[in-house]
Amino acid sequence: MIVIAGAVLGALTGGFTARRRKGSAADIAQYAAGFGICFGLAGLILTIALDKILL
């Protein structure tokens, strides 16, 4: 769940960042994909870390 939440949050953050910088539709899509991948990966690492610590 953390991975999915991170990916969605990252995509929204990236999309809003590109829109604030007055990017085109392709820029918005690229930022959303990049931030989504980055936040999803961070969520995966956090999930693995929590699993190792708690179990």
Protein backbone atom coordinates (compact mmCIF):
# COMPACT_ATOMS: atom_id res chain seq x y z
CA MET A 1 0.00 0.00 0.00
CA ILE A 2 2.85 2.37 0.72
CA VAL A 3 4.24 1.83 -2.77
CA ILE A 4 0.94 2.63 -4.47
CA ALA A 5 0.34 5.68 -2.28
CA GLY A 6 3.87 6.90 -3.00
CA ALA A 7 3.47 6.45 -6.74
CA VAL A 8 0.14 8.31 -6.82
CA LEU A 9 1.43 11.08 -4.56
CA GLY A 10 4.55 11.39 -6.72
CA ALA A 11 2.55 11.56 -9.94
CA LEU A 12 0.35 14.30 -8.52
CA THR A 13 3.35 16.22 -7.21
CA GLY A 14 5.15 15.94 -10.53
CA GLY A 15 2.11 17.00 -12.53
CA PHE A 16 1.50 20.04 -10.36
CA THR A 17 5.19 20.96 -10.45
CA ALA A 18 5.29 20.87 -14.25
CA ARG A 19 2.04 22.83 -14.51
CA ARG A 20 3.36 25.48 -12.10
CA ARG A 21 6.44 25.82 -14.32
CA LYS A 22 4.12 26.32 -17.33
CA GLY A 23 5.09 23.08 -19.05
CA SER A 24 3.36 21.54 -22.04
CA ALA A 25 1.25 18.37 -21.81
CA ALA A 26 4.32 16.25 -22.59
CA ASP A 27 6.28 17.99 -19.82
CA ILE A 28 3.47 17.36 -17.34
CA ALA A 29 3.31 13.68 -18.30
CA GLN A 30 7.07 13.29 -18.05
CA TYR A 31 7.27 14.97 -14.65
CA ALA A 32 4.34 12.90 -13.38
CA ALA A 33 5.97 9.67 -14.56
CA GLY A 34 9.38 10.58 -13.15
CA PHE A 35 8.10 11.69 -9.77
CA GLY A 36 5.75 8.70 -9.63
CA ILE A 37 8.60 6.27 -10.22
CA CYS A 38 10.82 8.04 -7.70
CA PHE A 39 8.20 8.16 -4.94
CA GLY A 40 7.11 4.59 -5.69
CA LEU A 41 10.69 3.39 -5.34
CA ALA A 42 11.04 5.29 -2.06
CA GLY A 43 7.82 3.63 -0.87
CA LEU A 44 9.19 0.22 -1.83
CA ILE A 45 12.38 0.82 0.13
CA LEU A 46 10.35 2.04 3.11
CA THR A 47 8.10 -1.03 2.92
CA ILE A 48 11.08 -3.39 2.87
CA ALA A 49 12.74 -1.54 5.74
CA LEU A 50 9.59 -1.66 7.86
CA ASP A 51 9.13 -5.35 7.09
CA LYS A 52 12.67 -6.13 8.19
CA ILE A 53 12.43 -4.02 11.33
CA LEU A 54 8.98 -5.15 12.50
CA LEU A 55 9.21 -8.83 11.64
